[in-house]
Amino acid sequence: MLAQNQDVNVLVLDTEVYSNTGGQASKSTPTGSVAKFAAAGKRTKKKDLGMMAMSYGYVYVATVAMSANPAQLIKAMIEAEKYHGPSLIIAYAPCINHGINMSKAQAEIRKAVAAGYWPLYRYNPELDQPLTIDSKDPTESYQDFIRGETRYQTLLKMFPDAAEKLFAQNEEDAKVRLANYKRMAGN
């Protein structure tokens, strides 16, 4: 749909698993997390849907996290609506399969951004400098964040050696992703 260059707005609630199937691993599942059909931890990195959409050169793209930065969320939605062409907003969406207390999902969202697990950005192809990084550099521990979720704790209990390697790779992937965004944004 995005590749057709039509004026359409798409919102993706990224739970990082196929939620409607009871939490199966997907291309959106991060390295080292446990899900159905990835009981020993997913061994490949998560696809970067935002980067894929940006590669078209004419898609407005934003990643958002509701409670981490409500103003950025609203700004992204307004910009996406005003943009004449396809727009994609990808929202971090904790789910029951993360093994968290869902009554504290908003706190988990804030932690994801603070730890650098979920960067916030807006990409507007109409601007001279299309990419804006809205999140600050990480202020909390990435490892503490992922180890606080059952989808990672399970791997640590079952396969501790593999878990340590996969968790380190997960964090490295996040650092590289953020560095690439910063480079693209001219930061």
Protein backbone atom coordinates (compact mmCIF):
# COMPACT_ATOMS: atom_id res chain seq x y z
CA MET A 1 0.00 0.00 0.00
CA LEU A 2 2.75 2.47 0.89
CA ALA A 3 4.61 1.71 -2.34
CA GLN A 4 1.59 2.85 -4.40
CA ASN A 5 2.27 6.49 -3.40
CA GLN A 6 -1.38 7.14 -2.50
CA ASP A 7 -2.53 9.59 0.19
CA VAL A 8 -3.13 7.01 2.91
CA ASN A 9 -2.30 7.05 6.63
CA VAL A 10 -1.24 3.82 8.32
CA LEU A 11 -0.81 3.25 12.06
CA VAL A 12 1.10 0.14 13.13
CA LEU A 13 0.87 -0.92 16.77
CA ASP A 14 4.14 -2.82 17.05
CA THR A 15 3.89 -5.54 19.69
CA GLU A 16 6.97 -7.25 18.23
CA VAL A 17 5.09 -10.55 17.86
CA TYR A 18 2.11 -11.86 15.94
CA SER A 19 -0.26 -11.00 18.77
CA ASN A 20 -3.42 -12.38 17.23
CA THR A 21 -1.88 -15.86 17.09
CA GLY A 22 -0.96 -16.00 20.75
CA GLY A 23 2.48 -14.43 20.45
CA GLN A 24 4.29 -16.14 17.59
CA ALA A 25 7.70 -14.86 16.52
CA SER A 26 7.60 -12.51 13.56
CA LYS A 27 10.00 -10.43 11.52
CA SER A 28 9.28 -7.73 14.09
CA THR A 29 10.44 -9.91 17.01
CA PRO A 30 13.75 -8.69 18.49
CA THR A 31 16.89 -10.78 18.87
CA GLY A 32 16.89 -12.96 21.98
CA SER A 33 13.23 -12.70 22.86
CA VAL A 34 11.18 -15.84 23.35
CA ALA A 35 7.92 -16.34 21.47
CA LYS A 36 6.02 -19.24 19.97
CA PHE A 37 8.26 -20.87 17.36
CA ALA A 38 11.26 -19.10 18.92
CA ALA A 39 11.38 -20.94 22.25
CA ALA A 40 15.18 -20.80 22.27
CA GLY A 41 15.17 -17.07 21.56
CA LYS A 42 14.94 -15.42 18.15
CA ARG A 43 18.37 -15.53 16.53
CA THR A 44 17.95 -12.83 13.89
CA LYS A 45 17.49 -9.12 14.35
CA LYS A 46 14.19 -7.33 14.07
CA LYS A 47 13.35 -5.83 10.68
CA ASP A 48 13.35 -2.06 10.54
CA LEU A 49 9.94 -1.27 9.08
CA GLY A 50 10.52 2.48 9.34
CA MET A 51 13.79 2.33 7.42
CA MET A 52 12.16 0.13 4.79
CA ALA A 53 9.40 2.71 4.30
CA MET A 54 11.88 5.62 4.28
CA SER A 55 13.79 3.91 1.47
CA TYR A 56 10.93 4.72 -0.92
CA GLY A 57 11.80 8.39 -0.51
CA TYR A 58 8.17 9.57 -0.58
CA VAL A 59 6.66 8.02 2.58
CA TYR A 60 6.22 10.04 5.77
CA VAL A 61 7.42 7.82 8.63
CA ALA A 62 7.41 8.27 12.39
CA THR A 63 8.04 6.08 15.39
CA VAL A 64 6.12 7.07 18.49
CA ALA A 65 5.63 5.95 22.07
CA MET A 66 2.50 7.34 23.67
CA SER A 67 3.57 8.02 27.25
CA ALA A 68 7.25 8.61 26.51
CA ASN A 69 6.59 11.79 24.56
CA PRO A 70 2.90 12.65 24.05
CA ALA A 71 3.74 15.93 22.25
CA GLN A 72 5.89 14.05 19.70
CA LEU A 73 3.06 11.56 19.15
CA ILE A 74 0.56 14.35 18.43
CA LYS A 75 3.05 16.20 16.22
CA ALA A 76 3.70 13.04 14.19
CA MET A 77 -0.02 12.39 13.74
CA ILE A 78 -0.68 15.96 12.62
CA GLU A 79 2.26 15.88 10.19
CA ALA A 80 1.20 12.50 8.81
CA GLU A 81 -2.35 13.75 8.24
CA LYS A 82 -1.13 16.91 6.49
CA TYR A 83 1.36 15.03 4.31
CA HIS A 84 0.09 14.50 0.75
CA GLY A 85 1.21 10.94 0.16
CA PRO A 86 1.54 7.75 2.15
CA SER A 87 2.33 8.04 5.83
CA LEU A 88 3.32 5.38 8.34
CA ILE A 89 3.32 5.80 12.10
CA ILE A 90 4.81 2.93 14.08
CA ALA A 91 3.82 2.93 17.75
CA TYR A 92 5.54 0.88 20.43
CA ALA A 93 2.82 -1.33 21.92
CA PRO A 94 3.64 -3.62 24.83
CA CYS A 95 1.42 -6.67 24.99
CA ILE A 96 0.62 -9.49 27.35
CA ASN A 97 3.21 -11.67 25.58
CA HIS A 98 5.98 -9.40 26.91
CA GLY A 99 5.16 -10.76 30.34
CA ILE A 100 4.57 -7.38 31.92
CA ASN A 101 1.78 -6.11 34.13
CA MET A 102 -0.42 -4.53 31.46
CA SER A 103 -1.80 -2.01 33.94
CA LYS A 104 1.74 -0.56 33.85
CA ALA A 105 2.13 -0.58 30.06
CA GLN A 106 2.60 3.19 29.87
CA ALA A 107 5.53 2.98 32.31
CA GLU A 108 7.02 0.20 30.18
CA ILE A 109 6.73 2.41 27.10
CA ARG A 110 8.62 5.21 28.86
CA LYS A 111 11.33 2.73 29.91
CA ALA A 112 11.69 1.44 26.33
CA VAL A 113 12.46 4.94 25.06
CA ALA A 114 14.67 5.91 28.02
CA ALA A 115 16.77 2.76 27.54
CA GLY A 116 17.22 3.33 23.81
CA TYR A 117 15.18 0.26 22.96
CA TRP A 118 12.61 2.32 21.01
CA PRO A 119 13.89 5.50 19.35
CA LEU A 120 11.49 8.29 18.45
CA TYR A 121 11.82 10.00 15.08
CA ARG A 122 9.93 11.68 12.26
CA TYR A 123 10.84 11.44 8.58
CA ASN A 124 9.18 13.99 6.31
CA PRO A 125 10.34 13.72 2.67
CA GLU A 126 9.14 17.29 1.98
CA LEU A 127 11.83 18.80 4.22
CA ASP A 128 15.41 19.63 3.21
CA GLN A 129 16.57 17.57 6.19
CA PRO A 130 13.82 14.91 6.26
CA LEU A 131 14.82 12.96 9.40
CA THR A 132 14.41 14.38 12.89
CA ILE A 133 15.44 12.32 15.92
CA ASP A 134 13.03 13.17 18.74
CA SER A 135 14.30 10.88 21.51
CA LYS A 136 17.25 11.74 23.68
CA ASP A 137 20.28 9.51 24.06
CA PRO A 138 19.57 6.60 26.41
CA THR A 139 19.48 7.47 30.10
CA GLU A 140 18.58 4.05 31.47
CA SER A 141 20.10 0.59 31.17
CA TYR A 142 19.19 -1.28 28.00
CA GLN A 143 19.97 -4.62 29.64
CA ASP A 144 17.84 -3.83 32.70
CA PHE A 145 14.96 -2.95 30.39
CA ILE A 146 14.98 -6.18 28.39
CA ARG A 147 15.70 -8.34 31.42
CA GLY A 148 12.59 -6.89 33.05
CA GLU A 149 10.34 -8.67 30.55
CA THR A 150 9.38 -12.34 30.66
CA ARG A 151 10.02 -12.75 26.93
CA TYR A 152 13.72 -12.21 27.69
CA GLN A 153 13.83 -13.65 31.23
CA THR A 154 12.63 -17.00 29.89
CA LEU A 155 15.63 -17.33 27.61
CA LEU A 156 17.97 -16.34 30.43
CA LYS A 157 16.56 -19.15 32.62
CA MET A 158 16.52 -21.80 29.91
CA PHE A 159 19.68 -20.97 27.93
CA PRO A 160 21.80 -18.54 30.01
CA ASP A 161 24.90 -18.66 27.78
CA ALA A 162 22.94 -18.10 24.60
CA ALA A 163 20.87 -15.42 26.31
CA GLU A 164 23.89 -13.33 27.26
CA LYS A 165 25.17 -13.39 23.68
CA LEU A 166 21.76 -12.64 22.17
CA PHE A 167 21.03 -9.86 24.65
CA ALA A 168 24.39 -8.24 23.86
CA GLN A 169 23.60 -8.55 20.13
CA ASN A 170 20.14 -7.06 20.68
CA GLU A 171 21.68 -4.02 22.40
CA GLU A 172 24.37 -3.66 19.74
CA ASP A 173 21.71 -3.78 17.00
CA ALA A 174 19.85 -0.96 18.77
CA LYS A 175 23.02 1.14 19.03
CA VAL A 176 23.81 0.65 15.34
CA ARG A 177 20.23 1.46 14.36
CA LEU A 178 20.30 4.71 16.37
CA ALA A 179 23.73 5.65 14.97
CA ASN A 180 22.41 5.14 11.44
CA TYR A 181 19.38 7.34 12.16
CA LYS A 182 21.62 10.04 13.64
CA ARG A 183 23.90 9.89 10.60
CA MET A 184 20.89 10.26 8.30
CA ALA A 185 19.65 13.19 10.40
CA GLY A 186 23.02 14.90 10.23
CA ASN A 187 23.59 14.59 13.99
